[in-house]
Protein backbone atom coordinates (compact mmCIF):
# COMPACT_ATOMS: atom_id res chain seq x y z
CA MET A 1 36.25 -37.95 -54.39
CA LYS A 2 34.93 -37.48 -50.86
CA ASP A 3 33.50 -34.16 -49.79
CA LYS A 4 35.65 -32.15 -47.42
CA PRO A 5 34.32 -31.78 -43.87
CA PRO A 6 32.52 -28.46 -43.52
CA THR A 7 34.02 -25.50 -41.71
CA ARG A 8 32.42 -22.98 -39.40
CA ARG A 9 32.32 -20.47 -42.25
CA GLY A 10 30.56 -22.95 -44.53
CA ILE A 11 27.94 -23.80 -41.92
CA LEU A 12 27.21 -20.11 -41.34
CA SER A 13 26.73 -19.47 -45.06
CA ILE A 14 24.18 -22.29 -45.35
CA VAL A 15 22.26 -21.27 -42.22
CA SER A 16 22.19 -17.64 -43.38
CA SER A 17 20.75 -18.69 -46.74
CA VAL A 18 17.51 -19.84 -45.07
CA TYR A 19 15.40 -16.76 -45.81
CA ASP A 20 12.64 -16.62 -43.23
CA PRO A 21 11.76 -12.99 -42.30
CA LEU A 22 8.48 -13.94 -40.58
CA GLY A 23 9.93 -16.80 -38.56
CA PHE A 24 7.85 -19.70 -39.94
CA VAL A 25 10.77 -22.12 -39.65
CA SER A 26 12.61 -20.47 -36.74
CA PRO A 27 12.24 -23.63 -34.54
CA PHE A 28 14.04 -25.61 -37.23
CA VAL A 29 16.82 -23.01 -37.72
CA LEU A 30 17.49 -22.70 -33.98
CA PRO A 31 19.39 -26.04 -33.61
CA ALA A 32 21.77 -24.97 -36.39
CA LYS A 33 22.37 -21.67 -34.61
CA MET A 34 23.07 -23.58 -31.39
CA LEU A 35 25.64 -25.69 -33.23
CA LEU A 36 27.38 -22.54 -34.48
CA GLN A 37 27.42 -21.15 -30.96
CA GLU A 38 29.02 -24.33 -29.62
CA LEU A 39 31.72 -24.14 -32.31
CA CYS A 40 32.34 -20.55 -31.25
CA ARG A 41 32.64 -21.68 -27.61
CA LYS A 42 35.32 -24.16 -28.68
CA ASN A 43 37.31 -21.26 -30.22
CA LEU A 44 37.14 -22.93 -33.62
CA GLY A 45 38.50 -20.80 -36.46
CA TRP A 46 36.38 -19.80 -39.42
CA ASP A 47 38.16 -22.21 -41.78
CA ASP A 48 38.88 -24.99 -39.27
CA ARG A 49 37.13 -28.31 -39.84
CA ILE A 50 34.51 -29.24 -37.26
CA ASP A 51 34.85 -32.25 -34.96
CA VAL A 52 33.13 -35.61 -35.51
CA ASP A 53 30.28 -35.08 -33.01
CA SER A 54 29.40 -31.69 -34.45
CA LEU A 55 29.68 -33.09 -37.96
CA GLY A 56 27.03 -35.73 -37.21
CA ARG A 57 24.59 -33.15 -35.88
CA TRP A 58 25.24 -30.90 -38.86
CA LYS A 59 24.68 -33.70 -41.39
CA THR A 60 21.38 -34.62 -39.72
CA TRP A 61 20.16 -31.02 -39.89
CA GLN A 62 21.36 -30.56 -43.47
CA ASP A 63 19.61 -33.75 -44.63
CA GLU A 64 16.33 -32.47 -43.16
CA LEU A 65 16.58 -29.08 -44.86
CA PRO A 66 14.89 -30.16 -48.16
CA ARG A 67 11.88 -31.39 -46.17
CA LEU A 68 10.84 -27.77 -45.58
CA GLU A 69 9.33 -27.79 -49.08
CA GLU A 70 6.47 -29.84 -47.62
CA LEU A 71 5.56 -27.07 -45.17
CA ASN A 72 2.40 -25.30 -46.36
CA VAL A 73 1.34 -22.00 -44.82
CA CYS A 74 -1.85 -20.09 -45.52
CA ARG A 75 -0.92 -16.40 -45.57
CA CYS A 76 -4.50 -15.12 -45.56
CA PHE A 77 -5.37 -13.88 -42.08
CA LYS A 78 -9.10 -13.82 -42.79
CA PRO A 79 -10.76 -16.83 -44.49
CA LYS A 80 -12.76 -16.17 -47.65
CA HIS A 81 -16.27 -16.70 -46.22
CA PHE A 82 -15.53 -15.71 -42.64
CA GLY A 83 -17.94 -12.77 -42.59
CA GLN A 84 -17.66 -9.52 -40.69
CA VAL A 85 -15.00 -9.37 -38.00
CA VAL A 86 -16.27 -8.11 -34.66
CA SER A 87 -13.14 -8.75 -32.60
CA SER A 88 -9.46 -8.95 -33.45
CA GLN A 89 -6.78 -9.76 -30.89
CA LEU A 90 -3.05 -10.31 -30.94
CA HIS A 91 -1.78 -13.11 -28.71
CA HIS A 92 1.94 -13.20 -27.99
CA PHE A 93 3.60 -16.23 -26.39
CA SER A 94 7.11 -16.18 -24.95
CA ASP A 95 9.40 -18.85 -23.51
CA ALA A 96 13.06 -19.54 -22.75
CA SER A 97 15.41 -22.47 -22.22
CA GLN A 98 19.10 -22.89 -21.54
CA GLY A 99 19.81 -22.86 -25.27
CA GLY A 100 17.65 -19.97 -26.42
CA TYR A 101 14.53 -17.89 -26.03
CA GLY A 102 11.85 -16.57 -28.32
CA ALA A 103 8.30 -15.41 -28.92
CA VAL A 104 5.53 -16.14 -31.40
CA SER A 105 2.45 -14.07 -32.26
CA TYR A 106 -1.01 -15.06 -33.52
CA LEU A 107 -3.96 -13.05 -34.79
CA ARG A 108 -7.32 -14.20 -33.38
CA LEU A 109 -10.42 -13.09 -35.31
CA THR A 110 -14.03 -13.51 -34.19
CA ASN A 111 -17.06 -12.96 -36.47
CA GLN A 112 -20.73 -12.21 -35.72
CA GLU A 113 -21.52 -15.91 -35.24
CA ASN A 114 -18.70 -16.19 -32.66
CA ASP A 115 -16.65 -18.26 -35.05
CA VAL A 116 -12.93 -18.02 -34.38
CA HIS A 117 -9.95 -18.12 -36.73
CA CYS A 118 -6.30 -17.95 -35.63
CA SER A 119 -3.36 -17.20 -37.91
CA PHE A 120 0.38 -17.24 -37.46
CA VAL A 121 1.76 -13.69 -37.78
CA ASN A 122 5.41 -13.62 -36.75
CA SER A 123 8.01 -15.18 -34.50
CA LYS A 124 11.51 -14.47 -33.29
CA SER A 125 14.02 -16.84 -31.71
CA ARG A 126 17.29 -15.87 -30.09
CA LEU A 127 20.26 -17.82 -28.81
CA ALA A 128 21.04 -17.62 -25.12
CA PRO A 129 24.15 -15.48 -24.48
CA LEU A 130 27.55 -17.15 -24.31
CA LYS A 131 27.83 -15.89 -20.75
CA LYS A 132 25.74 -18.13 -18.54
CA THR A 133 22.42 -16.48 -17.67
CA THR A 134 19.66 -17.57 -15.31
CA ILE A 135 16.38 -18.89 -16.71
CA PRO A 136 14.29 -16.06 -15.14
CA ARG A 137 16.45 -13.51 -16.95
CA LEU A 138 16.08 -15.40 -20.24
CA GLU A 139 12.32 -15.62 -19.70
CA LEU A 140 12.24 -11.86 -19.14
CA SER A 141 14.26 -11.31 -22.32
CA ALA A 142 11.73 -13.45 -24.21
CA ALA A 143 8.93 -11.29 -22.80
CA VAL A 144 10.69 -8.21 -24.18
CA VAL A 145 10.83 -9.87 -27.61
CA ALA A 146 7.06 -10.43 -27.36
CA THR A 147 6.43 -6.73 -26.71
CA ARG A 148 8.63 -5.79 -29.66
CA LEU A 149 6.63 -8.10 -31.89
CA ASP A 150 3.46 -6.38 -30.72
CA ILE A 151 4.84 -2.95 -31.64
CA MET A 152 6.01 -4.12 -35.05
CA ILE A 153 2.82 -6.01 -35.95
CA ARG A 154 0.52 -3.16 -34.91
CA LYS A 155 2.57 -0.82 -37.07
CA GLU A 156 2.60 -3.04 -40.18
CA ILE A 157 -0.74 -4.86 -40.16
CA ASP A 158 -3.79 -3.27 -41.81
CA ILE A 159 -6.36 -4.94 -39.55
CA PRO A 160 -7.42 -2.82 -36.53
CA ILE A 161 -6.37 -4.54 -33.30
CA ASP A 162 -8.75 -4.42 -30.35
CA ALA A 163 -6.40 -5.86 -27.73
CA SER A 164 -3.03 -7.49 -27.21
CA LEU A 165 -2.54 -10.32 -24.72
CA PHE A 166 0.78 -11.75 -23.60
CA TRP A 167 1.31 -15.31 -22.38
CA THR A 168 4.22 -16.78 -20.44
CA ASP A 169 4.76 -19.93 -18.42
CA SER A 170 7.15 -18.15 -16.03
CA THR A 171 5.61 -17.01 -12.75
CA CYS A 172 8.84 -15.06 -12.07
CA VAL A 173 8.19 -12.86 -15.10
CA LEU A 174 4.60 -12.24 -14.01
CA GLY A 175 5.84 -11.32 -10.54
CA TYR A 176 8.47 -8.92 -11.91
CA ILE A 177 5.97 -7.19 -14.20
CA SER A 178 3.27 -6.77 -11.55
CA ASN A 179 5.70 -5.64 -8.83
CA VAL A 180 5.18 -2.17 -7.35
CA ASN A 181 7.14 -2.34 -4.09
CA LYS A 182 10.56 -3.87 -4.64
CA ARG A 183 13.54 -2.60 -6.59
CA PHE A 184 15.37 -4.91 -8.99
CA GLN A 185 18.89 -5.31 -10.29
CA THR A 186 19.71 -3.28 -13.40
CA PHE A 187 19.18 -6.15 -15.89
CA VAL A 188 15.67 -6.93 -14.64
CA ALA A 189 14.72 -3.31 -13.96
CA ASN A 190 15.55 -2.20 -17.52
CA ARG A 191 13.58 -5.01 -19.15
CA VAL A 192 10.59 -4.61 -16.87
CA ALA A 193 10.56 -0.91 -17.78
CA LYS A 194 10.53 -1.78 -21.51
CA ILE A 195 7.68 -4.23 -20.98
CA ARG A 196 5.66 -1.72 -18.95
CA GLU A 197 6.05 0.87 -21.72
CA VAL A 198 4.13 -1.36 -24.13
CA SER A 199 1.79 -3.30 -21.84
CA SER A 200 0.29 -3.30 -18.38
CA PRO A 201 0.30 -6.19 -15.88
CA SER A 202 -3.36 -6.92 -16.68
CA HIS A 203 -2.34 -7.85 -20.25
CA TRP A 204 -0.10 -10.67 -19.05
CA ARG A 205 -1.40 -14.17 -18.39
CA HIS A 206 0.00 -17.49 -17.28
CA ILE A 207 0.01 -20.54 -19.54
CA PRO A 208 1.15 -24.09 -18.69
CA THR A 209 4.32 -25.09 -20.51
CA ARG A 210 2.61 -27.95 -22.35
CA PHE A 211 0.26 -25.46 -24.09
CA ASN A 212 2.90 -22.83 -24.89
CA PRO A 213 3.81 -22.72 -28.62
CA ALA A 214 6.81 -20.50 -27.85
CA ASP A 215 8.39 -23.59 -26.26
CA ASP A 216 9.13 -24.72 -29.82
CA ALA A 217 10.90 -21.42 -30.59
CA SER A 218 13.14 -21.71 -27.53
CA ARG A 219 14.09 -25.40 -27.83
CA GLY A 220 13.92 -26.10 -31.56
CA LEU A 221 12.20 -28.72 -33.73
CA SER A 222 13.25 -31.10 -36.44
CA ALA A 223 11.78 -30.72 -39.94
CA ASP A 224 9.34 -33.61 -39.41
CA GLU A 225 8.19 -32.23 -36.05
CA LEU A 226 7.68 -28.78 -37.56
CA ILE A 227 5.60 -30.10 -40.47
CA LYS A 228 3.37 -32.19 -38.19
CA ASN A 229 3.08 -29.49 -35.52
CA ARG A 230 -0.30 -27.84 -35.94
CA ARG A 231 0.12 -25.79 -32.75
CA TRP A 232 3.03 -23.82 -34.20
CA LEU A 233 1.22 -22.59 -37.30
CA PHE A 234 -2.31 -22.22 -35.92
CA GLY A 235 -1.78 -21.51 -32.25
CA PRO A 236 -2.78 -23.57 -29.20
CA ASP A 237 -6.20 -25.25 -29.24
CA PHE A 238 -7.67 -23.04 -26.52
CA LEU A 239 -7.29 -19.96 -28.74
CA TRP A 240 -9.92 -21.44 -31.07
CA LYS A 241 -12.38 -21.66 -28.20
CA SER A 242 -14.22 -19.12 -26.10
CA GLU A 243 -12.41 -17.26 -23.34
CA THR A 244 -13.94 -19.52 -20.70
CA HIS A 245 -11.72 -22.35 -21.96
CA TRP A 246 -8.50 -20.33 -21.70
CA PRO A 247 -5.95 -21.19 -18.99
CA SER A 248 -6.72 -19.31 -15.80
CA SER A 249 -4.11 -17.01 -14.29
CA PRO A 250 -3.53 -16.73 -10.54
CA LYS A 251 -6.22 -14.56 -8.97
CA GLU A 252 -3.86 -13.00 -6.44
CA PRO A 253 -0.71 -11.09 -7.46
CA ILE A 254 2.38 -13.26 -7.48
CA GLN A 255 4.60 -12.34 -4.55
CA ILE A 256 8.34 -12.06 -5.04
CA LEU A 257 10.37 -13.61 -2.24
CA ASP A 258 12.88 -11.46 -0.43
CA GLU A 259 15.52 -14.10 -1.19
CA ASP A 260 15.15 -13.54 -4.94
CA PRO A 261 18.65 -12.68 -6.26
CA GLU A 262 17.18 -10.05 -8.59
CA ILE A 263 15.93 -7.91 -5.70
CA LYS A 264 18.19 -4.93 -5.11
CA ARG A 265 19.34 -4.67 -1.55
CA GLU A 266 19.44 -1.18 -0.13
CA VAL A 267 23.07 -0.35 0.42
CA GLN A 268 24.11 3.02 1.78
CA THR A 269 26.85 3.93 -0.64
CA PHE A 270 27.46 7.30 0.94
CA SER A 271 27.49 7.07 4.72
CA THR A 272 28.52 9.96 6.94
CA ALA A 273 29.45 8.06 10.09
CA THR A 274 30.22 4.58 11.28
CA ASN A 275 27.53 4.59 13.95
CA THR A 276 23.84 4.14 13.20
CA ASP A 277 22.80 7.34 15.00
CA GLU A 278 22.61 10.14 12.45
CA SER A 279 22.62 13.71 13.71
CA PRO A 280 19.70 16.03 12.83
CA ILE A 281 22.07 18.36 10.97
CA ASP A 282 23.25 15.48 8.76
CA ARG A 283 19.64 14.62 7.98
CA ILE A 284 19.01 18.25 7.00
CA PHE A 285 22.12 18.30 4.80
CA LYS A 286 20.95 15.17 2.97
CA ARG A 287 17.83 16.97 1.85
CA PHE A 288 19.92 19.13 -0.47
CA SER A 289 21.18 18.02 -3.87
CA SER A 290 23.08 21.24 -4.62
CA TRP A 291 26.13 22.71 -2.88
CA GLU A 292 25.01 26.27 -3.68
CA ARG A 293 21.58 25.72 -2.17
CA LEU A 294 23.05 24.23 0.97
CA ILE A 295 25.34 27.26 1.40
CA LYS A 296 22.41 29.68 0.93
CA PHE A 297 20.28 27.74 3.40
CA VAL A 298 23.01 27.85 6.06
CA ALA A 299 23.64 31.54 5.32
CA TRP A 300 19.94 32.33 5.90
CA MET A 301 20.01 30.38 9.17
CA LEU A 302 23.12 32.26 10.34
CA ARG A 303 21.55 35.59 9.45
CA TYR A 304 18.41 34.63 11.37
CA GLN A 305 20.53 33.61 14.35
CA ASP A 306 22.46 36.88 14.19
CA ASN A 307 19.21 38.89 14.04
CA LEU A 308 17.86 37.07 17.10
CA GLN A 309 21.05 37.79 19.06
CA LYS A 310 20.96 41.47 18.11
CA ALA A 311 17.29 41.70 19.14
CA ARG A 312 18.12 40.08 22.47
CA LEU A 313 20.89 42.62 23.14
CA ARG A 314 18.60 45.50 22.26
CA ARG A 315 15.96 44.21 24.68
CA ARG A 316 18.56 43.82 27.43
CA ASN A 317 19.85 47.37 26.86
CA GLY A 318 16.33 48.79 26.71
CA THR A 319 16.79 50.10 23.18
CA PHE A 320 14.43 47.64 21.53
CA GLN A 321 11.70 49.12 19.35
CA GLN A 322 9.54 47.75 16.57
CA ARG A 323 11.12 48.57 13.23
CA LYS A 324 9.25 49.02 10.01
CA HIS A 325 9.70 46.29 7.43
CA SER A 326 12.10 47.60 4.78
CA GLY A 327 12.43 44.47 2.66
CA ILE A 328 14.81 41.52 2.83
CA GLU A 329 18.25 41.91 1.34
CA PRO A 330 19.64 38.94 -0.60
CA ILE A 331 22.49 36.88 0.76
CA ASN A 332 25.82 38.53 -0.04
CA VAL A 333 29.23 37.03 -0.81
CA ASP A 334 30.63 37.48 2.71
CA GLU A 335 27.67 35.61 4.22
CA LYS A 336 28.19 32.77 1.75
CA ILE A 337 31.88 32.50 2.69
CA ILE A 338 31.03 32.35 6.38
CA ALA A 339 28.32 29.74 5.76
CA GLU A 340 30.72 27.62 3.71
CA ARG A 341 33.34 27.64 6.47
CA LYS A 342 30.68 26.79 9.06
CA ILE A 343 29.62 23.76 7.02
CA VAL A 344 33.21 22.58 6.58
CA LYS A 345 33.87 23.11 10.28
CA TYR A 346 30.87 20.98 11.27
CA VAL A 347 31.81 18.19 8.83
CA GLN A 348 35.40 18.11 10.07
CA ASP A 349 34.30 18.05 13.72
CA MET A 350 32.07 15.06 12.98
CA SER A 351 34.50 13.14 10.77
CA PHE A 352 37.95 14.02 12.14
CA CYS A 353 37.24 14.39 15.82
CA GLU A 354 40.28 12.40 16.92
CA GLU A 355 42.66 14.20 14.56
CA LEU A 356 41.44 17.64 15.66
CA SER A 357 41.72 16.68 19.31
CA GLY A 358 45.30 15.54 18.76
CA LEU A 359 46.17 18.76 16.97
CA TYR A 360 44.81 20.94 19.76
CA LYS A 361 46.52 18.88 22.50
CA SER A 362 49.87 19.05 20.74
CA GLY A 363 49.81 22.84 20.83
CA ALA A 364 48.95 23.64 17.23
CA THR A 365 47.15 26.98 17.15
CA ASP A 366 45.47 29.08 14.54
CA ALA A 367 47.45 30.96 11.92
CA HIS A 368 46.08 34.36 12.92
CA THR A 369 47.61 34.03 16.45
CA GLN A 370 50.94 32.44 15.59
CA GLY A 371 51.51 33.92 12.17
CA GLN A 372 52.11 30.50 10.65
CA ILE A 373 50.67 27.04 10.29
CA ARG A 374 52.16 24.53 12.70
CA THR A 375 52.61 20.81 12.07
CA CYS A 376 51.27 18.15 14.43
CA PRO A 377 51.78 14.37 14.58
CA ILE A 378 48.79 12.25 13.44
CA LYS A 379 48.28 8.50 13.86
CA LYS A 380 49.43 6.49 10.86
CA SER A 381 46.07 4.72 10.80
CA SER A 382 44.32 8.01 10.05
CA PRO A 383 43.12 8.46 6.43
CA ILE A 384 44.65 11.95 6.39
CA TYR A 385 48.05 11.02 7.84
CA LYS A 386 49.88 11.45 4.52
CA LEU A 387 48.36 14.90 4.00
CA ASP A 388 50.46 16.36 6.86
CA PRO A 389 47.31 18.04 8.25
CA LYS A 390 47.51 21.48 9.87
CA LEU A 391 45.12 23.89 11.54
CA GLU A 392 44.27 27.23 10.05
CA GLU A 393 41.64 29.40 11.72
CA GLY A 394 40.22 26.30 13.37
CA LEU A 395 39.89 24.36 10.11
CA LEU A 396 41.81 21.26 9.08
CA CYS A 397 43.97 21.92 6.02
CA VAL A 398 46.52 20.07 3.92
CA GLY A 399 50.14 20.79 4.89
CA GLY A 400 53.09 20.54 2.57
CA ARG A 401 55.82 22.82 1.29
CA LEU A 402 53.79 25.29 -0.79
CA ARG A 403 53.91 27.93 1.94
CA ASN A 404 55.94 30.35 -0.20
CA ALA A 405 54.34 29.52 -3.54
CA PRO A 406 52.82 32.53 -5.43
CA ILE A 407 49.29 31.09 -5.31
CA PRO A 408 46.23 31.83 -3.13
CA MET A 409 46.36 30.57 0.46
CA GLU A 410 43.35 28.29 -0.02
CA THR A 411 45.15 26.62 -2.92
CA LYS A 412 48.35 26.19 -0.90
CA HIS A 413 46.47 24.52 1.93
CA PRO A 414 43.04 23.22 0.76
CA LEU A 415 40.42 22.28 3.31
CA ILE A 416 40.26 18.56 4.11
CA LEU A 417 36.92 16.80 3.77
CA PRO A 418 36.05 13.14 4.51
CA LYS A 419 35.44 10.43 1.98
CA ASN A 420 31.84 9.67 0.94
CA HIS A 421 30.28 12.37 3.12
CA HIS A 422 27.17 13.89 1.59
CA THR A 423 28.75 17.34 1.67
CA SER A 424 31.82 16.03 -0.18
CA ILE A 425 29.56 14.55 -2.84
CA LEU A 426 27.71 17.85 -3.25
CA ILE A 427 31.00 19.71 -3.72
CA ALA A 428 32.29 17.20 -6.27
CA ARG A 429 29.00 17.32 -8.18
CA HIS A 430 29.02 21.15 -8.05
CA TYR A 431 32.46 21.40 -9.67
CA HIS A 432 31.53 18.76 -12.24
CA ILE A 433 28.55 20.87 -13.34
CA ILE A 434 30.29 24.28 -13.38
CA SER A 435 33.12 22.74 -15.42
CA GLY A 436 30.65 21.92 -18.18
CA HIS A 437 30.57 18.19 -17.36
CA SER A 438 34.30 17.84 -17.97
CA GLY A 439 36.36 14.74 -17.37
CA LEU A 440 37.68 13.43 -14.09
CA GLU A 441 41.11 15.08 -14.14
CA HIS A 442 39.83 18.58 -14.94
CA VAL A 443 37.14 18.44 -12.26
CA LEU A 444 39.71 17.11 -9.78
CA SER A 445 42.03 20.05 -10.45
CA LEU A 446 39.19 22.52 -9.84
CA ILE A 447 38.20 20.88 -6.56
CA ARG A 448 41.76 20.89 -5.22
CA GLU A 449 42.07 24.62 -5.67
CA LYS A 450 39.98 24.86 -2.51
CA PHE A 451 39.17 21.43 -1.07
CA TRP A 452 40.97 18.13 -0.60
CA ILE A 453 38.42 15.31 -0.44
CA VAL A 454 39.80 11.98 0.75
CA GLY A 455 39.33 9.47 -2.08
CA THR A 456 38.17 12.12 -4.55
CA ARG A 457 38.76 10.00 -7.63
CA ALA A 458 36.43 7.21 -6.51
CA THR A 459 33.73 9.76 -5.62
CA LEU A 460 34.09 11.52 -8.96
CA ARG A 461 33.91 8.25 -10.89
CA ARG A 462 30.58 7.43 -9.26
CA ILE A 463 29.26 10.91 -10.03
CA LEU A 464 30.38 10.74 -13.67
CA ASP A 465 28.88 7.26 -14.07
CA ARG A 466 25.53 8.46 -12.75
CA CYS A 467 25.47 11.78 -14.64
CA VAL A 468 22.62 11.68 -17.17
CA ASN A 469 24.13 14.39 -19.40
CA CYS A 470 27.49 12.62 -19.56
CA ARG A 471 25.82 9.33 -20.47
CA ARG A 472 24.06 10.99 -23.39
């Protein structure tokens, strides 16, 4: 009776049965993992029979599996008559390919006679993600695996380690690690940060691909190739020699081209105006990261301005005299309210100049002179057209039919603020914090009791996404 063709579940059970915690045979296991990944890409069910091409590759790998019994590994890091160790180093090699990436670590011991012995310590191989990823990103992921091996080995091994060196054949990785000027995309930036936590750029060296043993971990080997491969179990030949025979790294730092897709372009997410000329007041506002602090700053400036005007009048009237210093009173609530309205007035004048001009020309006047809020036509292209904007005490407010509602006036007609203005962001962030880092809808309801920010939801989503406390 013929054997039934294997299924994806059966292949996984056999591959999982290869117990190899230290990664001695990881180059041999990798091709089987790649086969499983391809079956997954084809949306093959767990109990579906595999196709003919995959079956041939699986049979070849399965027939080679018994050959692993011929693989002999010496687990003693220090030979019997090696003598006193004067130097011990960990050398980590990393590499990546389209199919996978990995790293392998060796312990290099030197005795008093400058004799060298290298031993295999550990290795890890990973499949490349199903989503297509660039080689530089895979190389960087392999470098992260190398740093994790260093942490784990240093923690578990009993031999004191004098130094750890990291080798890669990717100049892109070396450039990313040694970079100090450019900003990277999130994927690269996060992995570079992990690498820099464990190592410094001086610990990383370049190795030609033909000498890199991690190339076997990223591409895979057959059983025969693994058994005959001395480099995998004992490290590259140059490790057994003095440092003068090691591959030389570039003397000058590797420069990253501006065209590199991983470089983060500076994009002004929050712009206050369409023109490139930014007013001095806007530049001052951008120095503040808190709405409360901005209000206090403006309140102090208004008080200083008021004091100067009063001193000028006293001089003109001849009543000026030097007064004794009686201390500085803190900013009170009324001053804060005035400062807040001054800020809103400036922002509206800068952002809704055309709308305000149309309102004034159409005859809309302040509420305190007419006793009511009057409606004015606005261009349909305006972002605040649907808000039925009105003027109240010189400020642009939301219209509507809540005039007789039993709620505060500022809630009936909230002040209109532009989208993505720095002041709008400060207000949204302020209400997010005082609400105890609540969700979007609750913060939105608090803001609209006093302000109506155009596109508030998009602004709030960005703030919530960037909030460190909310991420935790």
